[in-house]
Amino acid sequence: MWQRTLNNISERELIALIAKMFVPPVRMTTREWAISRRTISSKETSVGVGRFDPDITPYMEYVYECLDNPRMPEIVAMKSARIAWTETINNYRGKRIETNPCAMLLGFATKEASRSFAKFKWTEFLNGVPELRKIINVGVAKNKESIFDYVFPNGMLRLNILPYELTLLSLTLVWFCRTT
């Protein structure tokens, strides 16, 4: 009787790749993802350090539900400052990167606003999620990547400057995620 052994590394990698295609996608809400994966540092918040607790901002629960609803292709919000909007969107973005990656574009009015977001918001967020730190190229010194481009398997995130016409509308942050 003939028996085949997988001595070739390429054969093993191919079979592993094919096997991964049959694994069902992870089904969890953004809220569940943030609770299970995220820790908050003292640099990110003055509320509390440790595991992420969405109950601190219960008014964002509906936003989490809207973000997870595939029947809502667009979410528009008029909001005040400092209401945990960035943290909510970062949680959703982090969940998408880990569970359903795509090409993402964040638009800012100025390059300085983009740089500030990358340095003080996005990098700190990534430092609190070890799973994402493993798969995303972070920062200039580590991987020779620009702080405006983050690459991960099956997707990327680019921080970009909005066209002048859009900056007249007082937009500070626009987010697009293209799915195929």
C-alpha atoms as a PDB file:
ATOM      1  CA  MET A   1       0.000   0.000   0.000  1.00  0.00           C
ATOM      2  CA  TRP A   2       1.308   3.390  -1.008  1.00  0.00           C
ATOM      3  CA  GLN A   3       1.372   6.089   1.666  1.00  0.00           C
ATOM      4  CA  ARG A   4       2.144   9.732   0.993  1.00  0.00           C
ATOM      5  CA  THR A   5       4.059  11.760   3.548  1.00  0.00           C
ATOM      6  CA  LEU A   6       4.261  15.523   3.415  1.00  0.00           C
ATOM      7  CA  ASN A   7       8.000  16.031   3.539  1.00  0.00           C
ATOM      8  CA  ASN A   8       7.931  19.098   1.337  1.00  0.00           C
ATOM      9  CA  ILE A   9       7.313  22.353   3.220  1.00  0.00           C
ATOM     10  CA  SER A  10       5.463  23.838   0.251  1.00  0.00           C
ATOM     11  CA  GLU A  11       2.990  20.945   0.296  1.00  0.00           C
ATOM     12  CA  ARG A  12       2.362  21.457   4.005  1.00  0.00           C
ATOM     13  CA  GLU A  13       1.820  25.186   3.527  1.00  0.00           C
ATOM     14  CA  LEU A  14      -0.605  24.555   0.664  1.00  0.00           C
ATOM     15  CA  ILE A  15      -2.657  22.070   2.679  1.00  0.00           C
ATOM     16  CA  ALA A  16      -2.699  24.462   5.665  1.00  0.00           C
ATOM     17  CA  LEU A  17      -3.887  27.283   3.387  1.00  0.00           C
ATOM     18  CA  ILE A  18      -6.641  25.098   1.939  1.00  0.00           C
ATOM     19  CA  ALA A  19      -7.704  23.970   5.424  1.00  0.00           C
ATOM     20  CA  LYS A  20      -7.965  27.616   6.577  1.00  0.00           C
ATOM     21  CA  MET A  21     -10.461  28.295   3.793  1.00  0.00           C
ATOM     22  CA  PHE A  22     -12.927  25.961   5.488  1.00  0.00           C
ATOM     23  CA  VAL A  23     -12.644  27.526   8.936  1.00  0.00           C
ATOM     24  CA  PRO A  24     -15.736  29.641   9.608  1.00  0.00           C
ATOM     25  CA  PRO A  25     -15.110  33.332  10.291  1.00  0.00           C
ATOM     26  CA  VAL A  26     -15.085  34.540  13.863  1.00  0.00           C
ATOM     27  CA  ARG A  27     -18.507  35.888  14.746  1.00  0.00           C
ATOM     28  CA  MET A  28     -18.392  38.427  17.528  1.00  0.00           C
ATOM     29  CA  THR A  29     -19.663  41.932  17.983  1.00  0.00           C
ATOM     30  CA  THR A  30     -17.332  44.887  18.237  1.00  0.00           C
ATOM     31  CA  ARG A  31     -18.266  45.239  21.890  1.00  0.00           C
ATOM     32  CA  GLU A  32     -17.361  41.585  22.596  1.00  0.00           C
ATOM     33  CA  TRP A  33     -14.129  41.959  20.639  1.00  0.00           C
ATOM     34  CA  ALA A  34     -13.101  45.042  22.634  1.00  0.00           C
ATOM     35  CA  ILE A  35     -13.895  43.395  25.977  1.00  0.00           C
ATOM     36  CA  SER A  36     -11.914  40.259  25.147  1.00  0.00           C
ATOM     37  CA  ARG A  37      -8.909  41.796  23.370  1.00  0.00           C
ATOM     38  CA  ARG A  38      -8.299  45.348  24.515  1.00  0.00           C
ATOM     39  CA  THR A  39      -6.502  46.892  27.468  1.00  0.00           C
ATOM     40  CA  ILE A  40      -6.408  50.609  28.204  1.00  0.00           C
ATOM     41  CA  SER A  41      -3.228  52.428  29.219  1.00  0.00           C
ATOM     42  CA  SER A  42      -2.922  55.575  31.305  1.00  0.00           C
ATOM     43  CA  LYS A  43      -1.851  57.456  28.152  1.00  0.00           C
ATOM     44  CA  GLU A  44      -5.222  56.771  26.494  1.00  0.00           C
ATOM     45  CA  THR A  45      -7.660  57.718  29.219  1.00  0.00           C
ATOM     46  CA  SER A  46      -8.089  59.265  32.615  1.00  0.00           C
ATOM     47  CA  VAL A  47     -11.117  57.065  33.426  1.00  0.00           C
ATOM     48  CA  GLY A  48      -9.399  53.793  34.220  1.00  0.00           C
ATOM     49  CA  VAL A  49      -6.532  51.539  33.327  1.00  0.00           C
ATOM     50  CA  GLY A  50      -6.840  47.829  32.536  1.00  0.00           C
ATOM     51  CA  ARG A  51      -9.367  45.802  30.577  1.00  0.00           C
ATOM     52  CA  PHE A  52     -11.632  47.767  28.265  1.00  0.00           C
ATOM     53  CA  ASP A  53     -15.093  48.321  29.789  1.00  0.00           C
ATOM     54  CA  PRO A  54     -17.762  49.592  27.366  1.00  0.00           C
ATOM     55  CA  ASP A  55     -20.161  50.150  30.281  1.00  0.00           C
ATOM     56  CA  ILE A  56     -18.210  53.323  31.090  1.00  0.00           C
ATOM     57  CA  THR A  57     -19.746  54.820  27.930  1.00  0.00           C
ATOM     58  CA  PRO A  58     -23.217  53.215  27.710  1.00  0.00           C
ATOM     59  CA  TYR A  59     -24.390  55.867  25.244  1.00  0.00           C
ATOM     60  CA  MET A  60     -22.075  54.356  22.605  1.00  0.00           C
ATOM     61  CA  GLU A  61     -23.899  50.994  22.687  1.00  0.00           C
ATOM     62  CA  TYR A  62     -26.145  51.995  19.787  1.00  0.00           C
ATOM     63  CA  VAL A  63     -23.128  53.107  17.755  1.00  0.00           C
ATOM     64  CA  TYR A  64     -21.552  49.678  18.290  1.00  0.00           C
ATOM     65  CA  GLU A  65     -24.778  48.035  17.091  1.00  0.00           C
ATOM     66  CA  CYS A  66     -24.911  50.282  14.009  1.00  0.00           C
ATOM     67  CA  LEU A  67     -21.276  49.566  13.124  1.00  0.00           C
ATOM     68  CA  ASP A  68     -21.927  45.818  13.286  1.00  0.00           C
ATOM     69  CA  ASN A  69     -25.107  46.012  11.218  1.00  0.00           C
ATOM     70  CA  PRO A  70     -24.299  45.111   7.580  1.00  0.00           C
ATOM     71  CA  ARG A  71     -27.570  46.748   6.462  1.00  0.00           C
ATOM     72  CA  MET A  72     -26.222  50.176   7.468  1.00  0.00           C
ATOM     73  CA  PRO A  73     -23.741  51.105   4.742  1.00  0.00           C
ATOM     74  CA  GLU A  74     -23.218  54.624   6.087  1.00  0.00           C
ATOM     75  CA  ILE A  75     -23.206  56.138   9.563  1.00  0.00           C
ATOM     76  CA  VAL A  76     -23.288  59.909   9.952  1.00  0.00           C
ATOM     77  CA  ALA A  77     -23.033  61.537  13.366  1.00  0.00           C
ATOM     78  CA  MET A  78     -23.116  65.035  14.785  1.00  0.00           C
ATOM     79  CA  LYS A  79     -21.277  64.820  18.054  1.00  0.00           C
ATOM     80  CA  SER A  80     -19.387  66.760  20.637  1.00  0.00           C
ATOM     81  CA  ALA A  81     -15.749  66.249  21.546  1.00  0.00           C
ATOM     82  CA  ARG A  82     -14.461  63.697  24.041  1.00  0.00           C
ATOM     83  CA  ILE A  83     -17.393  61.249  23.994  1.00  0.00           C
ATOM     84  CA  ALA A  84     -15.378  58.072  23.230  1.00  0.00           C
ATOM     85  CA  TRP A  85     -16.112  58.239  19.493  1.00  0.00           C
ATOM     86  CA  THR A  86     -12.495  57.600  18.489  1.00  0.00           C
ATOM     87  CA  GLU A  87     -12.231  54.659  20.877  1.00  0.00           C
ATOM     88  CA  THR A  88     -15.462  53.174  19.536  1.00  0.00           C
ATOM     89  CA  ILE A  89     -14.312  53.505  15.927  1.00  0.00           C
ATOM     90  CA  ASN A  90     -10.844  52.173  16.804  1.00  0.00           C
ATOM     91  CA  ASN A  91     -12.473  49.131  18.408  1.00  0.00           C
ATOM     92  CA  TYR A  92     -14.512  48.508  15.262  1.00  0.00           C
ATOM     93  CA  ARG A  93     -11.487  49.038  13.038  1.00  0.00           C
ATOM     94  CA  GLY A  94      -9.433  46.644  15.187  1.00  0.00           C
ATOM     95  CA  LYS A  95     -12.150  43.999  15.021  1.00  0.00           C
ATOM     96  CA  ARG A  96     -12.325  44.334  11.221  1.00  0.00           C
ATOM     97  CA  ILE A  97      -8.554  44.024  10.896  1.00  0.00           C
ATOM     98  CA  GLU A  98      -8.534  40.831  12.929  1.00  0.00           C
ATOM     99  CA  THR A  99     -11.749  39.157  11.738  1.00  0.00           C
ATOM    100  CA  ASN A 100     -12.591  40.588   8.291  1.00  0.00           C
ATOM    101  CA  PRO A 101      -9.715  42.689   6.905  1.00  0.00           C
ATOM    102  CA  CYS A 102     -10.170  45.160   4.071  1.00  0.00           C
ATOM    103  CA  ALA A 103      -8.520  48.223   2.557  1.00  0.00           C
ATOM    104  CA  MET A 104      -9.219  51.202   4.835  1.00  0.00           C
ATOM    105  CA  LEU A 105      -8.750  54.922   4.353  1.00  0.00           C
ATOM    106  CA  LEU A 106      -8.893  57.562   7.083  1.00  0.00           C
ATOM    107  CA  GLY A 107      -9.151  61.147   5.909  1.00  0.00           C
ATOM    108  CA  PHE A 108      -7.902  64.170   7.840  1.00  0.00           C
ATOM    109  CA  ALA A 109      -8.011  67.898   7.145  1.00  0.00           C
ATOM    110  CA  THR A 110      -4.252  68.392   7.614  1.00  0.00           C
ATOM    111  CA  LYS A 111      -1.109  66.296   7.685  1.00  0.00           C
ATOM    112  CA  GLU A 112      -0.524  67.396  11.274  1.00  0.00           C
ATOM    113  CA  ALA A 113      -3.964  66.066  12.310  1.00  0.00           C
ATOM    114  CA  SER A 114      -3.115  62.769  10.613  1.00  0.00           C
ATOM    115  CA  ARG A 115       0.274  62.606  12.337  1.00  0.00           C
ATOM    116  CA  SER A 116      -1.297  63.420  15.713  1.00  0.00           C
ATOM    117  CA  PHE A 117      -3.890  60.665  15.295  1.00  0.00           C
ATOM    118  CA  ALA A 118      -1.204  58.148  14.324  1.00  0.00           C
ATOM    119  CA  LYS A 119       1.024  59.041  17.246  1.00  0.00           C
ATOM    120  CA  PHE A 120      -1.433  59.608  20.088  1.00  0.00           C
ATOM    121  CA  LYS A 121      -4.511  57.580  19.193  1.00  0.00           C
ATOM    122  CA  TRP A 122      -3.778  54.736  16.778  1.00  0.00           C
ATOM    123  CA  THR A 123      -0.363  53.660  18.101  1.00  0.00           C
ATOM    124  CA  GLU A 124      -1.625  53.723  21.691  1.00  0.00           C
ATOM    125  CA  PHE A 125      -4.650  51.683  20.626  1.00  0.00           C
ATOM    126  CA  LEU A 126      -2.407  49.091  18.959  1.00  0.00           C
ATOM    127  CA  ASN A 127      -0.199  48.901  22.047  1.00  0.00           C
ATOM    128  CA  GLY A 128      -3.293  47.802  24.005  1.00  0.00           C
ATOM    129  CA  VAL A 129      -4.180  44.975  21.600  1.00  0.00           C
ATOM    130  CA  PRO A 130      -1.367  42.373  21.411  1.00  0.00           C
ATOM    131  CA  GLU A 131      -3.166  40.370  18.692  1.00  0.00           C
ATOM    132  CA  LEU A 132      -3.091  43.368  16.350  1.00  0.00           C
ATOM    133  CA  ARG A 133       0.467  44.336  17.229  1.00  0.00           C
ATOM    134  CA  LYS A 134       1.599  40.947  15.926  1.00  0.00           C
ATOM    135  CA  ILE A 135       0.056  41.385  12.467  1.00  0.00           C
ATOM    136  CA  ILE A 136       0.274  45.140  11.756  1.00  0.00           C
ATOM    137  CA  ASN A 137       3.403  47.010  10.759  1.00  0.00           C
ATOM    138  CA  VAL A 138       3.622  49.778  13.349  1.00  0.00           C
ATOM    139  CA  GLY A 139       5.754  52.874  13.061  1.00  0.00           C
ATOM    140  CA  VAL A 140       8.827  54.055  11.229  1.00  0.00           C
ATOM    141  CA  ALA A 141      11.648  52.694  13.375  1.00  0.00           C
ATOM    142  CA  LYS A 142      10.378  49.136  13.679  1.00  0.00           C
ATOM    143  CA  ASN A 143       9.439  48.175  10.141  1.00  0.00           C
ATOM    144  CA  LYS A 144      10.622  51.076   7.976  1.00  0.00           C
ATOM    145  CA  GLU A 145       6.975  51.850   7.141  1.00  0.00           C
ATOM    146  CA  SER A 146       5.461  55.317   7.122  1.00  0.00           C
ATOM    147  CA  ILE A 147       3.314  56.316  10.087  1.00  0.00           C
ATOM    148  CA  PHE A 148       0.603  56.978   7.505  1.00  0.00           C
ATOM    149  CA  ASP A 149       0.514  53.407   6.137  1.00  0.00           C
ATOM    150  CA  TYR A 150      -0.267  50.268   8.127  1.00  0.00           C
ATOM    151  CA  VAL A 151      -0.195  46.929   6.330  1.00  0.00           C
ATOM    152  CA  PHE A 152      -1.755  43.707   7.601  1.00  0.00           C
ATOM    153  CA  PRO A 153      -2.730  40.392   5.965  1.00  0.00           C
ATOM    154  CA  ASN A 154      -5.454  40.911   3.323  1.00  0.00           C
ATOM    155  CA  GLY A 155      -5.715  44.640   3.956  1.00  0.00           C
ATOM    156  CA  MET A 156      -4.171  47.974   4.806  1.00  0.00           C
ATOM    157  CA  LEU A 157      -4.949  51.228   6.589  1.00  0.00           C
ATOM    158  CA  ARG A 158      -3.857  54.539   5.104  1.00  0.00           C
ATOM    159  CA  LEU A 159      -4.063  57.894   6.874  1.00  0.00           C
ATOM    160  CA  ASN A 160      -4.616  60.472   4.157  1.00  0.00           C
ATOM    161  CA  ILE A 161      -5.258  64.176   3.655  1.00  0.00           C
ATOM    162  CA  LEU A 162      -8.733  65.070   2.418  1.00  0.00           C
ATOM    163  CA  PRO A 163      -9.171  67.213  -0.684  1.00  0.00           C
ATOM    164  CA  TYR A 164      -9.501  70.922   0.056  1.00  0.00           C
ATOM    165  CA  GLU A 165     -13.222  70.960  -0.816  1.00  0.00           C
ATOM    166  CA  LEU A 166     -14.004  68.414   1.896  1.00  0.00           C
ATOM    167  CA  THR A 167     -11.983  70.288   4.516  1.00  0.00           C
ATOM    168  CA  LEU A 168     -14.313  73.259   4.035  1.00  0.00           C
ATOM    169  CA  LEU A 169     -17.098  71.112   5.452  1.00  0.00           C
ATOM    170  CA  SER A 170     -15.293  70.985   8.849  1.00  0.00           C
ATOM    171  CA  LEU A 171     -14.678  67.278   8.559  1.00  0.00           C
ATOM    172  CA  THR A 172     -11.966  66.099  10.876  1.00  0.00           C
ATOM    173  CA  LEU A 173     -12.184  62.395  10.244  1.00  0.00           C
ATOM    174  CA  VAL A 174     -13.691  60.390   7.434  1.00  0.00           C
ATOM    175  CA  TRP A 175     -13.368  56.639   7.312  1.00  0.00           C
ATOM    176  CA  PHE A 176     -13.893  54.394   4.341  1.00  0.00           C
ATOM    177  CA  CYS A 177     -13.601  50.644   4.229  1.00  0.00           C
ATOM    178  CA  ARG A 178     -13.738  49.059   0.800  1.00  0.00           C
ATOM    179  CA  THR A 179     -14.875  45.477   0.715  1.00  0.00           C
ATOM    180  CA  THR A 180     -14.764  43.324  -2.364  1.00  0.00           C
END
